[in-house]
């Protein structure tokens, strides 16, 4: 398969899953989430789908690169899969189940596995450094999301 076609499929898959998860919790965003006390630094709701679309494209690109480079022996694929599961789980936990504390624990796991991924990709091989660089912006965003999640938990 052409490498650009496979990259497109990776990105389309990540965006599709992200869209499906977001759509399934939209009612909670318009209902329950609106009633929560939020900190002053809470971004407007329209920022989140834009940011996550960009970040999911970067995460998908990192994963695509791992599979192309056959990263199985490095453990990076396993870390990436766990990271992805935790990342996709946060929205249903926070918005679907309305569990702010559990979502905070989940976002901390997202940050841990992303930081571990970055560390292992950096120290493992130059061929995985592209994936590492792709995962830095998602880490920065989810660190901010963890602070925001924590603040909402404390305020409510």
N, C-alpha and C. Protein backbone atom coordinates (compact mmCIF):
# COMPACT_ATOMS: atom_id res chain seq x y z
N UNK A 1 0.84 -1.18 0.00
CA UNK A 1 0.00 0.00 0.00
C UNK A 1 0.89 1.24 0.00
N UNK A 2 0.50 2.21 -0.74
CA UNK A 2 1.22 3.49 -0.79
C UNK A 2 1.27 4.10 0.61
N UNK A 3 2.45 4.63 0.97
CA UNK A 3 2.61 5.14 2.33
C UNK A 3 1.69 6.33 2.61
N UNK A 4 1.37 7.14 1.62
CA UNK A 4 0.49 8.28 1.85
C UNK A 4 -0.96 7.84 2.02
N UNK A 5 -1.34 6.78 1.32
CA UNK A 5 -2.69 6.23 1.50
C UNK A 5 -2.81 5.66 2.91
N UNK A 6 -1.79 4.94 3.36
CA UNK A 6 -1.86 4.37 4.70
C UNK A 6 -1.85 5.47 5.77
N UNK A 7 -1.10 6.54 5.56
CA UNK A 7 -1.14 7.67 6.50
C UNK A 7 -2.53 8.28 6.53
N UNK A 8 -3.12 8.49 5.36
CA UNK A 8 -4.47 9.03 5.30
C UNK A 8 -5.45 8.14 6.06
N UNK A 9 -5.32 6.82 5.91
CA UNK A 9 -6.22 5.90 6.61
C UNK A 9 -6.03 5.97 8.12
N UNK A 10 -4.79 6.07 8.58
CA UNK A 10 -4.53 6.22 10.02
C UNK A 10 -5.20 7.49 10.55
N UNK A 11 -5.01 8.59 9.85
CA UNK A 11 -5.59 9.86 10.30
C UNK A 11 -7.12 9.79 10.26
N UNK A 12 -7.67 9.24 9.20
CA UNK A 12 -9.12 9.11 9.08
C UNK A 12 -9.69 8.24 10.21
N UNK A 13 -8.99 7.17 10.56
CA UNK A 13 -9.44 6.31 11.64
C UNK A 13 -9.46 7.07 12.98
N UNK A 14 -8.38 7.75 13.28
CA UNK A 14 -8.31 8.50 14.55
C UNK A 14 -9.37 9.60 14.60
N UNK A 15 -9.51 10.34 13.51
CA UNK A 15 -10.52 11.40 13.49
C UNK A 15 -11.93 10.81 13.59
N UNK A 16 -12.14 9.68 12.93
CA UNK A 16 -13.45 9.03 12.99
C UNK A 16 -13.81 8.56 14.38
N UNK A 17 -12.86 7.91 15.06
CA UNK A 17 -13.12 7.47 16.43
C UNK A 17 -13.33 8.68 17.33
N UNK A 18 -12.49 9.69 17.19
CA UNK A 18 -12.66 10.90 18.00
C UNK A 18 -14.01 11.56 17.77
N UNK A 19 -14.44 11.64 16.50
CA UNK A 19 -15.74 12.22 16.19
C UNK A 19 -16.87 11.39 16.79
N UNK A 20 -16.77 10.07 16.67
CA UNK A 20 -17.81 9.19 17.22
C UNK A 20 -17.92 9.34 18.74
N UNK A 21 -16.78 9.38 19.41
CA UNK A 21 -16.78 9.55 20.87
C UNK A 21 -17.35 10.92 21.23
N UNK A 22 -16.91 11.95 20.55
CA UNK A 22 -17.42 13.29 20.82
C UNK A 22 -18.91 13.40 20.58
N UNK A 23 -19.38 12.80 19.49
CA UNK A 23 -20.82 12.84 19.17
C UNK A 23 -21.65 12.11 20.22
N UNK A 24 -21.11 11.03 20.74
CA UNK A 24 -21.86 10.24 21.73
C UNK A 24 -22.01 10.95 23.06
N UNK A 25 -21.17 11.94 23.31
CA UNK A 25 -21.24 12.66 24.59
C UNK A 25 -21.72 14.10 24.43
N UNK A 26 -22.15 14.47 23.23
CA UNK A 26 -22.55 15.86 22.97
C UNK A 26 -23.69 16.33 23.86
N UNK A 27 -24.63 15.44 24.15
CA UNK A 27 -25.75 15.81 25.01
C UNK A 27 -25.29 16.22 26.41
N UNK A 28 -24.30 15.52 26.91
CA UNK A 28 -23.77 15.84 28.24
C UNK A 28 -23.05 17.18 28.23
N UNK A 29 -22.40 17.49 27.13
CA UNK A 29 -21.69 18.78 27.02
C UNK A 29 -22.70 19.92 27.06
N UNK A 30 -23.82 19.74 26.36
CA UNK A 30 -24.86 20.77 26.34
C UNK A 30 -25.69 20.80 27.62
N UNK A 31 -25.67 19.72 28.38
CA UNK A 31 -26.46 19.65 29.61
C UNK A 31 -25.61 19.73 30.87
N UNK A 32 -25.16 18.58 31.33
CA UNK A 32 -24.43 18.46 32.59
C UNK A 32 -23.21 19.38 32.65
N UNK A 33 -22.39 19.36 31.62
CA UNK A 33 -21.15 20.14 31.62
C UNK A 33 -21.42 21.63 31.75
N UNK A 34 -22.49 22.11 31.13
CA UNK A 34 -22.85 23.53 31.21
C UNK A 34 -23.11 23.97 32.64
N UNK A 35 -23.58 23.05 33.47
CA UNK A 35 -23.95 23.41 34.85
C UNK A 35 -22.75 23.45 35.79
N UNK A 36 -21.61 22.95 35.35
CA UNK A 36 -20.44 22.88 36.22
C UNK A 36 -19.77 24.24 36.38
N UNK A 37 -19.23 24.45 37.56
CA UNK A 37 -18.37 25.62 37.81
C UNK A 37 -17.04 25.35 37.12
N UNK A 38 -16.57 26.34 36.35
CA UNK A 38 -15.32 26.16 35.62
C UNK A 38 -14.35 27.28 35.97
N UNK A 39 -13.05 27.00 35.88
CA UNK A 39 -12.06 28.04 36.18
C UNK A 39 -12.04 29.11 35.09
N UNK A 40 -11.45 30.22 35.42
CA UNK A 40 -11.36 31.35 34.48
C UNK A 40 -10.62 30.98 33.19
N UNK A 41 -9.68 30.05 33.29
CA UNK A 41 -8.86 29.70 32.11
C UNK A 41 -9.50 28.63 31.23
N UNK A 42 -10.75 28.27 31.50
CA UNK A 42 -11.44 27.28 30.69
C UNK A 42 -11.67 27.85 29.28
N UNK A 43 -11.14 27.18 28.25
CA UNK A 43 -11.34 27.69 26.88
C UNK A 43 -12.80 27.56 26.45
N UNK A 44 -13.21 28.32 25.44
CA UNK A 44 -14.56 28.14 24.91
C UNK A 44 -14.70 26.75 24.29
N UNK A 45 -15.91 26.22 24.32
CA UNK A 45 -16.14 24.85 23.84
C UNK A 45 -15.72 24.62 22.39
N UNK A 46 -15.81 25.63 21.53
CA UNK A 46 -15.51 25.43 20.12
C UNK A 46 -14.02 25.15 19.88
N UNK A 47 -13.16 25.46 20.85
CA UNK A 47 -11.71 25.21 20.71
C UNK A 47 -11.41 23.71 20.70
N UNK A 48 -12.14 22.95 21.51
CA UNK A 48 -11.81 21.53 21.71
C UNK A 48 -11.86 20.69 20.45
N UNK A 49 -12.92 20.75 19.63
CA UNK A 49 -12.90 19.92 18.41
C UNK A 49 -11.79 20.32 17.43
N UNK A 50 -11.47 21.58 17.38
CA UNK A 50 -10.38 22.03 16.50
C UNK A 50 -9.05 21.47 17.01
N UNK A 51 -8.79 21.66 18.29
CA UNK A 51 -7.53 21.17 18.87
C UNK A 51 -7.41 19.66 18.72
N UNK A 52 -8.49 18.93 19.07
CA UNK A 52 -8.40 17.48 19.02
C UNK A 52 -8.27 16.96 17.59
N UNK A 53 -8.84 17.65 16.63
CA UNK A 53 -8.66 17.23 15.23
C UNK A 53 -7.19 17.32 14.84
N UNK A 54 -6.56 18.42 15.20
CA UNK A 54 -5.13 18.59 14.91
C UNK A 54 -4.31 17.56 15.67
N UNK A 55 -4.61 17.40 16.95
CA UNK A 55 -3.83 16.47 17.78
C UNK A 55 -4.03 15.02 17.36
N UNK A 56 -5.26 14.63 17.03
CA UNK A 56 -5.49 13.26 16.57
C UNK A 56 -4.75 12.99 15.27
N UNK A 57 -4.66 13.98 14.40
CA UNK A 57 -3.87 13.80 13.18
C UNK A 57 -2.40 13.58 13.53
N UNK A 58 -1.90 14.30 14.51
CA UNK A 58 -0.49 14.12 14.93
C UNK A 58 -0.29 12.76 15.59
N UNK A 59 -1.22 12.36 16.46
CA UNK A 59 -1.12 11.06 17.14
C UNK A 59 -1.18 9.93 16.11
N UNK A 60 -2.10 10.05 15.16
CA UNK A 60 -2.21 9.04 14.10
C UNK A 60 -0.93 8.97 13.28
N UNK A 61 -0.33 10.11 13.01
CA UNK A 61 0.92 10.14 12.25
C UNK A 61 2.04 9.46 13.04
N UNK A 62 2.06 9.68 14.34
CA UNK A 62 3.06 9.00 15.19
C UNK A 62 2.87 7.48 15.14
N UNK A 63 1.62 7.04 15.27
CA UNK A 63 1.34 5.60 15.21
C UNK A 63 1.66 5.01 13.85
N UNK A 64 1.29 5.71 12.81
CA UNK A 64 1.59 5.26 11.44
C UNK A 64 3.09 5.07 11.27
N UNK A 65 3.87 6.02 11.77
CA UNK A 65 5.33 5.92 11.67
C UNK A 65 5.85 4.71 12.45
N UNK A 66 5.29 4.47 13.63
CA UNK A 66 5.72 3.30 14.43
C UNK A 66 5.50 2.00 13.65
N UNK A 67 4.32 1.87 13.07
CA UNK A 67 4.02 0.62 12.37
C UNK A 67 4.86 0.49 11.11
N UNK A 68 5.14 1.59 10.46
CA UNK A 68 6.01 1.54 9.28
C UNK A 68 7.43 1.13 9.66
N UNK A 69 7.90 1.56 10.83
CA UNK A 69 9.27 1.29 11.26
C UNK A 69 9.37 -0.01 12.06
N UNK A 70 8.24 -0.72 12.21
CA UNK A 70 8.22 -2.00 12.93
C UNK A 70 8.82 -1.87 14.33
N UNK A 71 8.15 -1.13 15.16
CA UNK A 71 8.64 -0.80 16.50
C UNK A 71 8.29 -1.85 17.56
N UNK A 72 7.91 -3.04 17.16
CA UNK A 72 7.45 -4.04 18.13
C UNK A 72 8.49 -4.37 19.19
N UNK A 73 9.73 -4.53 18.80
CA UNK A 73 10.75 -4.94 19.76
C UNK A 73 11.09 -3.85 20.78
N UNK A 74 10.76 -2.62 20.48
CA UNK A 74 11.09 -1.51 21.39
C UNK A 74 10.07 -1.35 22.51
N UNK A 75 8.92 -1.96 22.38
CA UNK A 75 7.84 -1.78 23.35
C UNK A 75 7.01 -0.54 23.06
N UNK A 76 7.40 0.23 22.06
CA UNK A 76 6.69 1.47 21.76
C UNK A 76 5.26 1.23 21.27
N UNK A 77 5.05 0.16 20.53
CA UNK A 77 3.69 -0.12 20.05
C UNK A 77 2.76 -0.37 21.23
N UNK A 78 3.22 -1.13 22.20
CA UNK A 78 2.39 -1.43 23.37
C UNK A 78 2.07 -0.15 24.14
N UNK A 79 3.07 0.68 24.35
CA UNK A 79 2.85 1.95 25.05
C UNK A 79 1.88 2.81 24.26
N UNK A 80 2.04 2.86 22.95
CA UNK A 80 1.17 3.66 22.10
C UNK A 80 -0.27 3.17 22.17
N UNK A 81 -0.47 1.87 22.15
CA UNK A 81 -1.82 1.30 22.23
C UNK A 81 -2.47 1.64 23.58
N UNK A 82 -1.73 1.47 24.68
CA UNK A 82 -2.27 1.81 26.01
C UNK A 82 -2.60 3.30 26.08
N UNK A 83 -1.68 4.12 25.57
CA UNK A 83 -1.92 5.57 25.52
C UNK A 83 -3.22 5.88 24.77
N UNK A 84 -3.38 5.28 23.59
CA UNK A 84 -4.56 5.54 22.76
C UNK A 84 -5.84 5.13 23.48
N UNK A 85 -5.83 3.97 24.12
CA UNK A 85 -7.01 3.51 24.86
C UNK A 85 -7.35 4.50 25.98
N UNK A 86 -6.36 4.91 26.74
CA UNK A 86 -6.59 5.88 27.82
C UNK A 86 -7.10 7.20 27.26
N UNK A 87 -6.49 7.65 26.17
CA UNK A 87 -6.89 8.92 25.57
C UNK A 87 -8.35 8.88 25.12
N UNK A 88 -8.72 7.82 24.40
CA UNK A 88 -10.10 7.70 23.94
C UNK A 88 -11.07 7.47 25.09
N UNK A 89 -10.61 6.92 26.21
CA UNK A 89 -11.49 6.64 27.35
C UNK A 89 -11.85 7.89 28.14
N UNK A 90 -11.02 8.92 28.10
CA UNK A 90 -11.26 10.09 28.95
C UNK A 90 -12.63 10.72 28.69
N UNK A 91 -12.98 10.96 27.45
CA UNK A 91 -14.23 11.65 27.13
C UNK A 91 -15.45 10.90 27.64
N UNK A 92 -15.57 9.59 27.41
CA UNK A 92 -16.73 8.88 27.97
C UNK A 92 -16.75 8.88 29.51
N UNK A 93 -15.57 8.85 30.13
CA UNK A 93 -15.53 8.88 31.59
C UNK A 93 -15.98 10.24 32.10
N UNK A 94 -15.45 11.30 31.52
CA UNK A 94 -15.77 12.65 32.00
C UNK A 94 -17.20 13.04 31.61
N UNK A 95 -17.52 13.00 30.32
CA UNK A 95 -18.80 13.49 29.85
C UNK A 95 -19.90 12.43 29.91
N UNK A 96 -19.59 11.20 29.53
CA UNK A 96 -20.61 10.16 29.50
C UNK A 96 -21.01 9.68 30.89
N UNK A 97 -20.01 9.36 31.71
CA UNK A 97 -20.27 8.85 33.06
C UNK A 97 -20.33 9.97 34.09
N UNK A 98 -19.90 11.17 33.70
CA UNK A 98 -19.90 12.35 34.57
C UNK A 98 -19.07 12.11 35.84
N UNK A 99 -17.94 11.45 35.66
CA UNK A 99 -17.04 11.11 36.77
C UNK A 99 -15.78 11.97 36.67
N UNK A 100 -15.80 13.12 37.31
CA UNK A 100 -14.71 14.08 37.18
C UNK A 100 -13.42 13.54 37.78
N UNK A 101 -13.50 12.92 38.97
CA UNK A 101 -12.29 12.39 39.61
C UNK A 101 -11.69 11.23 38.79
N UNK A 102 -12.54 10.30 38.36
CA UNK A 102 -12.05 9.17 37.55
C UNK A 102 -11.45 9.67 36.24
N UNK A 103 -12.04 10.71 35.67
CA UNK A 103 -11.48 11.29 34.44
C UNK A 103 -10.11 11.92 34.72
N UNK A 104 -9.96 12.52 35.90
CA UNK A 104 -8.65 13.08 36.26
C UNK A 104 -7.59 11.97 36.34
N UNK A 105 -7.94 10.87 36.96
CA UNK A 105 -7.02 9.72 37.03
C UNK A 105 -6.69 9.24 35.60
N UNK A 106 -7.69 9.19 34.76
CA UNK A 106 -7.50 8.75 33.37
C UNK A 106 -6.57 9.71 32.62
N UNK A 107 -6.77 11.02 32.76
CA UNK A 107 -5.93 11.98 32.03
C UNK A 107 -4.50 11.94 32.56
N UNK A 108 -4.33 11.62 33.83
CA UNK A 108 -2.98 11.45 34.36
C UNK A 108 -2.32 10.22 33.74
N UNK A 109 -3.09 9.16 33.52
CA UNK A 109 -2.56 7.97 32.84
C UNK A 109 -2.20 8.32 31.39
N UNK A 110 -3.03 9.11 30.73
CA UNK A 110 -2.73 9.57 29.36
C UNK A 110 -1.38 10.29 29.36
N UNK A 111 -1.19 11.20 30.31
CA UNK A 111 0.07 11.95 30.38
C UNK A 111 1.25 11.05 30.69
N UNK A 112 1.05 10.11 31.61
CA UNK A 112 2.14 9.18 31.96
C UNK A 112 2.57 8.38 30.74
N UNK A 113 1.61 7.77 30.04
CA UNK A 113 1.96 6.91 28.90
C UNK A 113 2.51 7.72 27.73
N UNK A 114 2.05 8.95 27.56
CA UNK A 114 2.62 9.78 26.51
C UNK A 114 4.06 10.16 26.86
N UNK A 115 4.30 10.57 28.11
CA UNK A 115 5.67 10.92 28.53
C UNK A 115 6.59 9.70 28.42
N UNK A 116 6.09 8.53 28.81
CA UNK A 116 6.88 7.30 28.69
C UNK A 116 7.19 7.01 27.22
N UNK A 117 6.20 7.19 26.37
CA UNK A 117 6.40 6.99 24.94
C UNK A 117 7.48 7.92 24.41
N UNK A 118 7.39 9.20 24.76
CA UNK A 118 8.37 10.18 24.30
C UNK A 118 9.76 9.80 24.78
N UNK A 119 9.88 9.43 26.04
CA UNK A 119 11.17 9.05 26.59
C UNK A 119 11.75 7.83 25.86
N UNK A 120 10.92 6.79 25.72
CA UNK A 120 11.41 5.56 25.07
C UNK A 120 11.73 5.78 23.59
N UNK A 121 10.92 6.60 22.92
CA UNK A 121 11.19 6.88 21.50
C UNK A 121 12.49 7.66 21.36
N UNK A 122 12.74 8.58 22.27
CA UNK A 122 13.96 9.38 22.23
C UNK A 122 15.18 8.51 22.47
N UNK A 123 15.09 7.64 23.45
CA UNK A 123 16.27 6.85 23.84
C UNK A 123 16.45 5.58 23.02
N UNK A 124 15.44 5.18 22.27
CA UNK A 124 15.48 3.89 21.58
C UNK A 124 16.21 3.93 20.24
N UNK A 125 15.79 4.82 19.39
CA UNK A 125 16.34 4.81 18.03
C UNK A 125 15.97 6.11 17.33
N UNK A 126 16.85 6.55 16.48
CA UNK A 126 16.57 7.77 15.70
C UNK A 126 15.36 7.57 14.80
N UNK A 127 15.07 6.34 14.41
CA UNK A 127 13.94 6.11 13.50
C UNK A 127 12.59 6.36 14.18
N UNK A 128 12.58 6.42 15.51
CA UNK A 128 11.33 6.67 16.23
C UNK A 128 11.21 8.12 16.70
N UNK A 129 12.22 8.92 16.45
CA UNK A 129 12.18 10.30 16.93
C UNK A 129 11.10 11.13 16.24
N UNK A 130 10.78 10.82 15.00
CA UNK A 130 9.68 11.52 14.33
C UNK A 130 8.38 11.31 15.11
N UNK A 131 8.12 10.06 15.50
CA UNK A 131 6.93 9.77 16.30
C UNK A 131 6.97 10.52 17.63
N UNK A 132 8.16 10.58 18.24
CA UNK A 132 8.31 11.30 19.49
C UNK A 132 7.91 12.76 19.34
N UNK A 133 8.41 13.40 18.28
CA UNK A 133 8.08 14.81 18.06
C UNK A 133 6.59 15.02 17.83
N UNK A 134 5.95 14.07 17.17
CA UNK A 134 4.51 14.18 16.92
C UNK A 134 3.70 14.09 18.21
N UNK A 135 4.26 13.46 19.24
CA UNK A 135 3.54 13.26 20.49
C UNK A 135 3.75 14.38 21.51
N UNK A 136 4.64 15.31 21.24
CA UNK A 136 4.88 16.41 22.20
C UNK A 136 3.68 17.36 22.29
N UNK A 137 3.13 17.86 21.18
CA UNK A 137 1.95 18.73 21.32
C UNK A 137 0.76 18.06 22.02
N UNK A 138 0.44 16.77 21.72
CA UNK A 138 -0.64 16.15 22.50
C UNK A 138 -0.33 16.09 24.01
N UNK A 139 0.92 15.87 24.37
CA UNK A 139 1.28 15.85 25.79
C UNK A 139 1.06 17.23 26.41
N UNK A 140 1.48 18.27 25.73
CA UNK A 140 1.28 19.62 26.26
C UNK A 140 -0.21 19.92 26.44
N UNK A 141 -1.02 19.52 25.48
CA UNK A 141 -2.46 19.76 25.56
C UNK A 141 -3.09 18.97 26.70
N UNK A 142 -2.70 17.70 26.86
CA UNK A 142 -3.32 16.89 27.91
C UNK A 142 -2.79 17.26 29.30
N UNK A 143 -1.60 17.84 29.37
CA UNK A 143 -1.16 18.40 30.65
C UNK A 143 -2.06 19.57 31.03
N UNK A 144 -2.36 20.43 30.05
CA UNK A 144 -3.32 21.52 30.29
C UNK A 144 -4.69 20.95 30.65
N UNK A 145 -5.12 19.92 29.92
CA UNK A 145 -6.42 19.30 30.19
C UNK A 145 -6.47 18.72 31.59
N UNK A 146 -5.35 18.17 32.07
CA UNK A 146 -5.31 17.63 33.43
C UNK A 146 -5.50 18.75 34.46
N UNK A 147 -4.85 19.88 34.24
CA UNK A 147 -5.02 21.03 35.14
C UNK A 147 -6.48 21.50 35.11
N UNK A 148 -7.04 21.57 33.93
CA UNK A 148 -8.44 21.99 33.78
C UNK A 148 -9.37 20.98 34.45
N UNK A 149 -9.15 19.70 34.22
CA UNK A 149 -9.95 18.64 34.83
C UNK A 149 -9.87 18.74 36.35
N UNK A 150 -8.67 18.93 36.88
CA UNK A 150 -8.47 19.04 38.33
C UNK A 150 -9.23 20.26 38.88
N UNK A 151 -9.11 21.38 38.20
CA UNK A 151 -9.80 22.60 38.64
C UNK A 151 -11.31 22.41 38.67
N UNK A 152 -11.84 21.77 37.66
CA UNK A 152 -13.30 21.51 37.62
C UNK A 152 -13.69 20.58 38.76
N UNK A 153 -12.88 19.58 39.03
CA UNK A 153 -13.13 18.65 40.14
C UNK A 153 -13.15 19.42 41.46
N UNK A 154 -12.18 20.28 41.69
CA UNK A 154 -12.10 21.05 42.94
C UNK A 154 -13.28 22.01 43.07
N UNK A 155 -13.65 22.65 41.97
CA UNK A 155 -14.75 23.63 42.01
C UNK A 155 -16.14 22.99 42.15
N UNK A 156 -16.23 21.71 41.87
CA UNK A 156 -17.53 21.06 41.91
C UNK A 156 -17.56 19.94 42.93
